[in-house]
Amino acid sequence: MARLVSRLAMFVALLLAQVLVLNHVWLMNVATPLLYVYFAITFPRNTEKGEVLVWCFILGLLVDIFSNTPGLAAGSLTLIGMIQTYLVELFVPRDSAENLEVSAATLGWGKFSMLSGILILIYCLLFFILEAFNFFDWQLWLLRVVCSAALTLGLMLAIESLRSKR
């Protein structure tokens, strides 16, 4: 029950932060932080795949509703929820606990950063592919993907460092 309450609090906090603050941040009219993907990355190891998909889809749908991005966040975040459960197994030691929390404190900063970077890059690739729906200006598209992924990863690691100190 405590895990559900903490996940729900994280869900609401990331949704509000994205909708009220981060959607209005555009660095040099190129990069925007997409911090809500942090929710999908931090699911514990033993979480059912269906549960992860439902949580990710609902969060993406709510971001889409409030951001006027029809289906972009829902589709992209659902894909991240689907591959997160498999990708975590590559970074977690085989003899670790089944209910291992995915964080920098449990995986170490290197593995957590690599896992997060891969998932964020995949998310940004899919999100901006769906947004542009063409490759007319592919240099700008690639710049948006890379800069948004870097900005999101930086913010996420900053939050993770604060979480690990408590």
N, C-alpha and C. Protein backbone atom coordinates (compact mmCIF):
# COMPACT_ATOMS: atom_id res chain seq x y z
N MET A 1 0.82 -1.20 0.00
CA MET A 1 0.00 0.00 0.00
C MET A 1 0.86 1.26 0.00
N ALA A 2 1.96 1.22 0.77
CA ALA A 2 2.85 2.38 0.82
C ALA A 2 3.49 2.62 -0.54
N ARG A 3 3.81 1.52 -1.25
CA ARG A 3 4.40 1.65 -2.59
C ARG A 3 3.42 2.31 -3.56
N LEU A 4 2.14 1.94 -3.45
CA LEU A 4 1.12 2.54 -4.31
C LEU A 4 0.97 4.03 -4.04
N VAL A 5 0.99 4.41 -2.78
CA VAL A 5 0.86 5.82 -2.42
C VAL A 5 2.06 6.61 -2.92
N SER A 6 3.26 6.06 -2.77
CA SER A 6 4.45 6.78 -3.24
C SER A 6 4.47 6.88 -4.77
N ARG A 7 4.04 5.82 -5.46
CA ARG A 7 3.97 5.89 -6.92
C ARG A 7 2.93 6.91 -7.38
N LEU A 8 1.80 6.94 -6.69
CA LEU A 8 0.74 7.90 -7.03
C LEU A 8 1.21 9.34 -6.77
N ALA A 9 1.93 9.56 -5.68
CA ALA A 9 2.47 10.90 -5.40
C ALA A 9 3.47 11.32 -6.47
N MET A 10 4.33 10.38 -6.88
CA MET A 10 5.30 10.68 -7.94
C MET A 10 4.58 10.98 -9.26
N PHE A 11 3.54 10.20 -9.55
CA PHE A 11 2.72 10.39 -10.75
C PHE A 11 2.16 11.81 -10.79
N VAL A 12 1.52 12.22 -9.71
CA VAL A 12 0.88 13.54 -9.65
C VAL A 12 1.94 14.64 -9.70
N ALA A 13 3.04 14.48 -8.96
CA ALA A 13 4.08 15.50 -8.93
C ALA A 13 4.70 15.71 -10.31
N LEU A 14 5.01 14.62 -11.00
CA LEU A 14 5.61 14.75 -12.34
C LEU A 14 4.63 15.30 -13.36
N LEU A 15 3.37 14.89 -13.24
CA LEU A 15 2.35 15.43 -14.15
C LEU A 15 2.19 16.93 -13.96
N LEU A 16 2.07 17.37 -12.71
CA LEU A 16 1.91 18.80 -12.45
C LEU A 16 3.15 19.59 -12.85
N ALA A 17 4.33 19.05 -12.56
CA ALA A 17 5.56 19.75 -12.94
C ALA A 17 5.66 19.90 -14.46
N GLN A 18 5.30 18.85 -15.19
CA GLN A 18 5.38 18.92 -16.64
C GLN A 18 4.37 19.89 -17.21
N VAL A 19 3.13 19.77 -16.76
CA VAL A 19 2.04 20.57 -17.34
C VAL A 19 2.14 22.04 -16.95
N LEU A 20 2.45 22.31 -15.70
CA LEU A 20 2.44 23.69 -15.22
C LEU A 20 3.74 24.45 -15.45
N VAL A 21 4.87 23.73 -15.48
CA VAL A 21 6.15 24.43 -15.58
C VAL A 21 6.94 24.03 -16.82
N LEU A 22 7.24 22.74 -16.96
CA LEU A 22 8.21 22.31 -17.96
C LEU A 22 7.71 22.42 -19.40
N ASN A 23 6.41 22.37 -19.61
CA ASN A 23 5.90 22.56 -20.97
C ASN A 23 6.15 23.97 -21.49
N HIS A 24 6.43 24.90 -20.60
CA HIS A 24 6.66 26.29 -21.00
C HIS A 24 8.14 26.62 -21.10
N VAL A 25 8.99 25.63 -20.90
CA VAL A 25 10.44 25.82 -20.99
C VAL A 25 10.91 25.34 -22.37
N TRP A 26 11.41 26.26 -23.16
CA TRP A 26 12.00 25.93 -24.46
C TRP A 26 13.34 26.63 -24.55
N LEU A 27 14.40 25.90 -24.35
CA LEU A 27 15.73 26.50 -24.41
C LEU A 27 16.13 26.72 -25.85
N MET A 28 16.39 27.95 -26.19
CA MET A 28 16.78 28.36 -27.55
C MET A 28 15.80 27.84 -28.61
N ASN A 29 14.56 27.70 -28.22
CA ASN A 29 13.49 27.25 -29.11
C ASN A 29 13.78 25.87 -29.70
N VAL A 30 14.56 25.07 -28.97
CA VAL A 30 14.95 23.74 -29.45
C VAL A 30 14.64 22.66 -28.43
N ALA A 31 15.08 22.83 -27.20
CA ALA A 31 15.01 21.77 -26.19
C ALA A 31 13.94 22.05 -25.15
N THR A 32 13.23 21.00 -24.80
CA THR A 32 12.26 21.07 -23.71
C THR A 32 12.45 19.84 -22.83
N PRO A 33 12.39 20.01 -21.52
CA PRO A 33 12.54 18.84 -20.65
C PRO A 33 11.25 18.02 -20.63
N LEU A 34 11.37 16.73 -20.77
CA LEU A 34 10.24 15.81 -20.74
C LEU A 34 10.41 14.90 -19.52
N LEU A 35 10.32 15.50 -18.34
CA LEU A 35 10.68 14.85 -17.10
C LEU A 35 9.77 13.71 -16.70
N TYR A 36 8.55 13.67 -17.19
CA TYR A 36 7.61 12.64 -16.79
C TYR A 36 8.05 11.23 -17.19
N VAL A 37 9.02 11.11 -18.09
CA VAL A 37 9.54 9.79 -18.46
C VAL A 37 10.28 9.16 -17.26
N TYR A 38 10.68 9.97 -16.30
CA TYR A 38 11.31 9.49 -15.07
C TYR A 38 10.40 8.50 -14.34
N PHE A 39 9.11 8.72 -14.43
CA PHE A 39 8.14 7.83 -13.79
C PHE A 39 8.24 6.42 -14.37
N ALA A 40 8.36 6.32 -15.67
CA ALA A 40 8.43 5.00 -16.32
C ALA A 40 9.76 4.31 -16.06
N ILE A 41 10.81 5.06 -15.88
CA ILE A 41 12.13 4.47 -15.68
C ILE A 41 12.26 3.84 -14.31
N THR A 42 11.61 4.39 -13.31
CA THR A 42 11.85 3.98 -11.92
C THR A 42 10.91 2.90 -11.39
N PHE A 43 10.22 2.19 -12.24
CA PHE A 43 9.39 1.09 -11.75
C PHE A 43 10.27 0.00 -11.14
N PRO A 44 9.87 -0.56 -10.01
CA PRO A 44 10.64 -1.66 -9.41
C PRO A 44 10.70 -2.87 -10.34
N ARG A 45 11.68 -3.70 -10.08
CA ARG A 45 11.96 -4.84 -10.95
C ARG A 45 10.80 -5.82 -11.06
N ASN A 46 10.10 -6.10 -9.98
CA ASN A 46 9.06 -7.13 -10.00
C ASN A 46 7.68 -6.62 -10.40
N THR A 47 7.56 -5.40 -10.84
CA THR A 47 6.26 -4.85 -11.24
C THR A 47 5.76 -5.57 -12.49
N GLU A 48 4.50 -5.94 -12.46
CA GLU A 48 3.89 -6.64 -13.60
C GLU A 48 3.95 -5.75 -14.84
N LYS A 49 4.21 -6.37 -15.98
CA LYS A 49 4.32 -5.62 -17.24
C LYS A 49 3.02 -4.89 -17.58
N GLY A 50 1.90 -5.53 -17.34
CA GLY A 50 0.62 -4.89 -17.61
C GLY A 50 0.39 -3.66 -16.75
N GLU A 51 0.80 -3.74 -15.49
CA GLU A 51 0.67 -2.60 -14.59
C GLU A 51 1.52 -1.43 -15.06
N VAL A 52 2.74 -1.72 -15.47
CA VAL A 52 3.63 -0.67 -15.98
C VAL A 52 3.01 -0.01 -17.21
N LEU A 53 2.48 -0.81 -18.11
CA LEU A 53 1.87 -0.26 -19.33
C LEU A 53 0.68 0.62 -19.03
N VAL A 54 -0.16 0.20 -18.10
CA VAL A 54 -1.35 0.99 -17.76
C VAL A 54 -0.95 2.32 -17.13
N TRP A 55 -0.02 2.27 -16.16
CA TRP A 55 0.45 3.51 -15.53
C TRP A 55 1.04 4.46 -16.57
N CYS A 56 1.89 3.93 -17.43
CA CYS A 56 2.55 4.77 -18.45
C CYS A 56 1.55 5.35 -19.43
N PHE A 57 0.60 4.54 -19.86
CA PHE A 57 -0.40 5.04 -20.80
C PHE A 57 -1.24 6.14 -20.18
N ILE A 58 -1.66 5.95 -18.94
CA ILE A 58 -2.50 6.97 -18.28
C ILE A 58 -1.72 8.27 -18.08
N LEU A 59 -0.46 8.16 -17.64
CA LEU A 59 0.34 9.38 -17.49
C LEU A 59 0.54 10.07 -18.83
N GLY A 60 0.87 9.30 -19.86
CA GLY A 60 1.04 9.89 -21.18
C GLY A 60 -0.23 10.52 -21.71
N LEU A 61 -1.36 9.87 -21.46
CA LEU A 61 -2.65 10.41 -21.91
C LEU A 61 -2.96 11.73 -21.20
N LEU A 62 -2.71 11.79 -19.90
CA LEU A 62 -2.97 13.04 -19.17
C LEU A 62 -2.03 14.15 -19.62
N VAL A 63 -0.77 13.82 -19.89
CA VAL A 63 0.15 14.83 -20.42
C VAL A 63 -0.35 15.31 -21.78
N ASP A 64 -0.81 14.38 -22.62
CA ASP A 64 -1.34 14.76 -23.93
C ASP A 64 -2.55 15.67 -23.81
N ILE A 65 -3.44 15.36 -22.90
CA ILE A 65 -4.65 16.16 -22.72
C ILE A 65 -4.30 17.59 -22.33
N PHE A 66 -3.40 17.74 -21.37
CA PHE A 66 -3.06 19.07 -20.87
C PHE A 66 -2.05 19.80 -21.74
N SER A 67 -1.36 19.10 -22.61
CA SER A 67 -0.33 19.72 -23.44
C SER A 67 -0.75 19.89 -24.90
N ASN A 68 -1.94 19.38 -25.23
CA ASN A 68 -2.44 19.46 -26.60
C ASN A 68 -1.49 18.78 -27.59
N THR A 69 -1.03 17.60 -27.21
CA THR A 69 -0.19 16.77 -28.08
C THR A 69 -0.90 15.43 -28.25
N PRO A 70 -1.86 15.36 -29.14
CA PRO A 70 -2.73 14.18 -29.21
C PRO A 70 -1.99 12.88 -29.51
N GLY A 71 -1.82 12.06 -28.47
CA GLY A 71 -1.26 10.74 -28.63
C GLY A 71 0.25 10.64 -28.60
N LEU A 72 0.96 11.76 -28.65
CA LEU A 72 2.42 11.70 -28.70
C LEU A 72 3.00 11.13 -27.40
N ALA A 73 2.64 11.71 -26.29
CA ALA A 73 3.18 11.25 -25.01
C ALA A 73 2.64 9.88 -24.64
N ALA A 74 1.37 9.63 -24.90
CA ALA A 74 0.78 8.34 -24.54
C ALA A 74 1.44 7.19 -25.31
N GLY A 75 1.60 7.36 -26.58
CA GLY A 75 2.24 6.31 -27.39
C GLY A 75 3.70 6.12 -27.04
N SER A 76 4.42 7.21 -26.89
CA SER A 76 5.85 7.13 -26.60
C SER A 76 6.11 6.57 -25.21
N LEU A 77 5.35 7.02 -24.22
CA LEU A 77 5.57 6.55 -22.86
C LEU A 77 5.13 5.10 -22.68
N THR A 78 4.11 4.68 -23.42
CA THR A 78 3.71 3.28 -23.37
C THR A 78 4.81 2.38 -23.93
N LEU A 79 5.46 2.81 -24.99
CA LEU A 79 6.59 2.04 -25.52
C LEU A 79 7.72 1.96 -24.50
N ILE A 80 8.02 3.05 -23.83
CA ILE A 80 9.07 3.05 -22.81
C ILE A 80 8.69 2.11 -21.67
N GLY A 81 7.43 2.12 -21.28
CA GLY A 81 6.98 1.19 -20.24
C GLY A 81 7.13 -0.26 -20.67
N MET A 82 6.93 -0.51 -21.95
CA MET A 82 7.05 -1.87 -22.46
C MET A 82 8.50 -2.34 -22.46
N ILE A 83 9.42 -1.50 -22.89
CA ILE A 83 10.81 -1.94 -22.99
C ILE A 83 11.57 -1.77 -21.67
N GLN A 84 11.06 -0.97 -20.75
CA GLN A 84 11.75 -0.76 -19.47
C GLN A 84 11.90 -2.06 -18.70
N THR A 85 10.85 -2.86 -18.69
CA THR A 85 10.90 -4.10 -17.92
C THR A 85 11.97 -5.06 -18.45
N TYR A 86 12.21 -5.04 -19.73
CA TYR A 86 13.24 -5.90 -20.32
C TYR A 86 14.63 -5.29 -20.19
N LEU A 87 14.73 -3.99 -20.37
CA LEU A 87 16.02 -3.33 -20.34
C LEU A 87 16.61 -3.30 -18.92
N VAL A 88 15.75 -3.23 -17.91
CA VAL A 88 16.22 -3.24 -16.53
C VAL A 88 16.98 -4.53 -16.24
N GLU A 89 16.52 -5.63 -16.80
CA GLU A 89 17.17 -6.92 -16.56
C GLU A 89 18.62 -6.95 -17.06
N LEU A 90 18.94 -6.12 -18.05
CA LEU A 90 20.32 -6.05 -18.55
C LEU A 90 21.25 -5.32 -17.59
N PHE A 91 20.70 -4.44 -16.76
CA PHE A 91 21.51 -3.62 -15.88
C PHE A 91 21.50 -4.08 -14.42
N VAL A 92 20.58 -4.95 -14.07
CA VAL A 92 20.46 -5.42 -12.69
C VAL A 92 21.28 -6.70 -12.53
N PRO A 93 22.04 -6.81 -11.45
CA PRO A 93 22.76 -8.07 -11.21
C PRO A 93 21.77 -9.23 -11.04
N ARG A 94 22.14 -10.39 -11.52
CA ARG A 94 21.24 -11.55 -11.50
C ARG A 94 20.87 -11.98 -10.08
N ASP A 95 21.75 -11.79 -9.13
CA ASP A 95 21.48 -12.23 -7.76
C ASP A 95 20.80 -11.16 -6.91
N SER A 96 20.31 -10.08 -7.53
CA SER A 96 19.66 -9.02 -6.76
C SER A 96 18.22 -9.40 -6.42
N ALA A 97 17.65 -8.67 -5.51
CA ALA A 97 16.29 -8.95 -5.04
C ALA A 97 15.27 -8.75 -6.15
N GLU A 98 14.19 -9.49 -6.06
CA GLU A 98 13.13 -9.39 -7.08
C GLU A 98 12.41 -8.04 -7.02
N ASN A 99 12.32 -7.44 -5.83
CA ASN A 99 11.61 -6.17 -5.70
C ASN A 99 12.58 -4.99 -5.69
N LEU A 100 13.69 -5.12 -6.39
CA LEU A 100 14.71 -4.07 -6.45
C LEU A 100 14.13 -2.79 -7.03
N GLU A 101 14.31 -1.71 -6.31
CA GLU A 101 13.88 -0.39 -6.76
C GLU A 101 14.90 0.12 -7.77
N VAL A 102 14.46 0.59 -8.91
CA VAL A 102 15.37 1.11 -9.93
C VAL A 102 15.72 2.55 -9.56
N SER A 103 16.95 2.74 -9.10
CA SER A 103 17.43 4.07 -8.71
C SER A 103 18.95 4.07 -8.77
N ALA A 104 19.53 5.25 -8.62
CA ALA A 104 20.98 5.36 -8.62
C ALA A 104 21.58 4.73 -7.37
N ALA A 105 20.83 4.75 -6.28
CA ALA A 105 21.32 4.16 -5.03
C ALA A 105 21.43 2.64 -5.13
N THR A 106 20.54 2.00 -5.86
CA THR A 106 20.56 0.53 -5.95
C THR A 106 21.39 0.02 -7.12
N LEU A 107 21.36 0.72 -8.24
CA LEU A 107 22.10 0.27 -9.43
C LEU A 107 23.50 0.86 -9.52
N GLY A 108 23.73 1.97 -8.85
CA GLY A 108 24.97 2.71 -9.03
C GLY A 108 24.75 3.78 -10.08
N TRP A 109 25.51 4.85 -9.98
CA TRP A 109 25.30 5.99 -10.87
C TRP A 109 25.57 5.66 -12.33
N GLY A 110 26.57 4.86 -12.60
CA GLY A 110 26.92 4.52 -13.98
C GLY A 110 25.83 3.74 -14.68
N LYS A 111 25.38 2.66 -14.04
CA LYS A 111 24.34 1.83 -14.65
C LYS A 111 23.01 2.57 -14.74
N PHE A 112 22.69 3.31 -13.68
CA PHE A 112 21.43 4.06 -13.70
C PHE A 112 21.45 5.13 -14.79
N SER A 113 22.57 5.83 -14.93
CA SER A 113 22.68 6.86 -15.97
C SER A 113 22.58 6.25 -17.36
N MET A 114 23.21 5.10 -17.56
CA MET A 114 23.16 4.44 -18.86
C MET A 114 21.75 3.97 -19.17
N LEU A 115 21.10 3.31 -18.23
CA LEU A 115 19.72 2.85 -18.41
C LEU A 115 18.80 4.02 -18.71
N SER A 116 18.91 5.07 -17.92
CA SER A 116 18.06 6.25 -18.11
C SER A 116 18.34 6.93 -19.43
N GLY A 117 19.60 7.06 -19.77
CA GLY A 117 19.97 7.70 -21.04
C GLY A 117 19.41 6.97 -22.24
N ILE A 118 19.49 5.65 -22.22
CA ILE A 118 18.96 4.85 -23.33
C ILE A 118 17.45 5.02 -23.44
N LEU A 119 16.75 4.91 -22.32
CA LEU A 119 15.29 5.02 -22.34
C LEU A 119 14.84 6.43 -22.72
N ILE A 120 15.53 7.44 -22.23
CA ILE A 120 15.17 8.82 -22.58
C ILE A 120 15.43 9.09 -24.05
N LEU A 121 16.54 8.61 -24.57
CA LEU A 121 16.84 8.82 -25.99
C LEU A 121 15.80 8.13 -26.88
N ILE A 122 15.42 6.91 -26.53
CA ILE A 122 14.36 6.22 -27.29
C ILE A 122 13.07 7.00 -27.21
N TYR A 123 12.75 7.48 -26.01
CA TYR A 123 11.52 8.25 -25.84
C TYR A 123 11.53 9.50 -26.71
N CYS A 124 12.62 10.26 -26.64
CA CYS A 124 12.69 11.51 -27.42
C CYS A 124 12.68 11.24 -28.92
N LEU A 125 13.35 10.18 -29.35
CA LEU A 125 13.31 9.81 -30.77
C LEU A 125 11.88 9.58 -31.23
N LEU A 126 11.17 8.73 -30.51
CA LEU A 126 9.79 8.42 -30.91
C LEU A 126 8.88 9.63 -30.79
N PHE A 127 9.01 10.38 -29.70
CA PHE A 127 8.16 11.55 -29.48
C PHE A 127 8.31 12.56 -30.62
N PHE A 128 9.56 12.88 -30.96
CA PHE A 128 9.77 13.90 -31.99
C PHE A 128 9.56 13.37 -33.41
N ILE A 129 9.70 12.05 -33.62
CA ILE A 129 9.33 11.48 -34.91
C ILE A 129 7.82 11.62 -35.12
N LEU A 130 7.06 11.28 -34.09
CA LEU A 130 5.60 11.39 -34.19
C LEU A 130 5.16 12.84 -34.31
N GLU A 131 5.87 13.75 -33.63
CA GLU A 131 5.51 15.16 -33.70
C GLU A 131 5.77 15.75 -35.08
N ALA A 132 6.94 15.46 -35.64
CA ALA A 132 7.30 16.03 -36.95
C ALA A 132 6.60 15.29 -38.07
N PHE A 133 6.53 13.98 -37.97
CA PHE A 133 5.92 13.10 -38.95
C PHE A 133 6.50 13.24 -40.36
N ASN A 134 7.68 13.86 -40.43
CA ASN A 134 8.43 13.91 -41.68
C ASN A 134 9.88 14.25 -41.34
N PHE A 135 10.75 14.12 -42.29
CA PHE A 135 12.14 14.44 -42.07
C PHE A 135 12.57 15.58 -43.00
N PHE A 136 11.69 16.57 -43.16
CA PHE A 136 11.99 17.68 -44.05
C PHE A 136 13.18 18.48 -43.52
N ASP A 137 13.16 18.81 -42.23
CA ASP A 137 14.26 19.55 -41.62
C ASP A 137 14.91 18.64 -40.58
N TRP A 138 15.64 17.65 -41.06
CA TRP A 138 16.15 16.61 -40.18
C TRP A 138 17.22 17.11 -39.22
N GLN A 139 17.95 18.18 -39.57
CA GLN A 139 18.95 18.71 -38.66
C GLN A 139 18.29 19.30 -37.41
N LEU A 140 17.22 20.05 -37.60
CA LEU A 140 16.49 20.62 -36.47
C LEU A 140 15.86 19.50 -35.64
N TRP A 141 15.31 18.50 -36.31
CA TRP A 141 14.71 17.37 -35.61
C TRP A 141 15.75 16.66 -34.74
N LEU A 142 16.92 16.39 -35.29
CA LEU A 142 17.97 15.72 -34.55
C LEU A 142 18.47 16.58 -33.39
N LEU A 143 18.58 17.87 -33.60
CA LEU A 143 18.99 18.79 -32.54
C LEU A 143 17.97 18.79 -31.40
N ARG A 144 16.69 18.77 -31.74
CA ARG A 144 15.64 18.73 -30.72
C ARG A 144 15.69 17.44 -29.93
N VAL A 145 15.91 16.32 -30.61
CA VAL A 145 15.99 15.02 -29.93
C VAL A 145 17.16 15.01 -28.95
N VAL A 146 18.34 15.37 -29.43
CA VAL A 146 19.55 15.29 -28.61
C VAL A 146 19.48 16.28 -27.45
N CYS A 147 19.10 17.52 -27.72
CA CYS A 147 19.07 18.53 -26.67
C CYS A 147 17.98 18.24 -25.64
N SER A 148 16.82 17.81 -26.08
CA SER A 148 15.75 17.48 -25.13
C SER A 148 16.12 16.26 -24.29
N ALA A 149 16.75 15.27 -24.90
CA ALA A 149 17.18 14.09 -24.15
C ALA A 149 18.25 14.47 -23.13
N ALA A 150 19.20 15.29 -23.50
CA ALA A 150 20.25 15.71 -22.58
C ALA A 150 19.68 16.54 -21.42
N LEU A 151 18.77 17.44 -21.73
CA LEU A 151 18.15 18.27 -20.71
C LEU A 151 17.31 17.42 -19.75
N THR A 152 16.57 16.48 -20.29
CA THR A 152 15.75 15.59 -19.47
C THR A 152 16.63 14.72 -18.58
N LEU A 153 17.68 14.16 -19.14
CA LEU A 153 18.59 13.32 -18.36
C LEU A 153 19.26 14.13 -17.25
N GLY A 154 19.68 15.33 -17.56
CA GLY A 154 20.31 16.18 -16.54
C GLY A 154 19.37 16.49 -15.39
N LEU A 155 18.15 16.86 -15.71
CA LEU A 155 17.15 17.13 -14.67
C LEU A 155 16.85 15.89 -13.85
N MET A 156 16.74 14.77 -14.53
CA MET A 156 16.41 13.53 -13.84
C MET A 156 17.53 13.11 -12.90
N LEU A 157 18.77 13.24 -13.33
CA LEU A 157 19.89 12.89 -12.46
C LEU A 157 20.01 13.85 -11.29
N ALA A 158 19.64 15.12 -11.49
CA ALA A 158 19.63 16.07 -10.38
C ALA A 158 18.59 15.67 -9.34
N ILE A 159 17.41 15.29 -9.79
CA ILE A 159 16.37 14.84 -8.86
C ILE A 159 16.79 13.55 -8.17
N GLU A 160 17.40 12.66 -8.92
CA GLU A 160 17.85 11.39 -8.35
C GLU A 160 18.93 11.63 -7.28
N SER A 161 19.80 12.59 -7.48
CA SER A 161 20.82 12.87 -6.47
C SER A 161 20.18 13.43 -5.20
N LEU A 162 19.12 14.19 -5.34
CA LEU A 162 18.40 14.68 -4.17
C LEU A 162 17.67 13.55 -3.46
N ARG A 163 17.10 12.63 -4.22
CA ARG A 163 16.40 11.49 -3.63
C ARG A 163 17.35 10.56 -2.90
N SER A 164 18.56 10.38 -3.42
CA SER A 164 19.50 9.45 -2.81
C SER A 164 20.11 10.00 -1.52
N LYS A 165 20.02 11.31 -1.32
CA LYS A 165 20.59 11.91 -0.10
C LYS A 165 19.66 11.86 1.09
N ARG A 166 18.39 11.52 0.88
CA ARG A 166 17.48 11.49 2.02
C ARG A 166 17.50 10.21 2.73
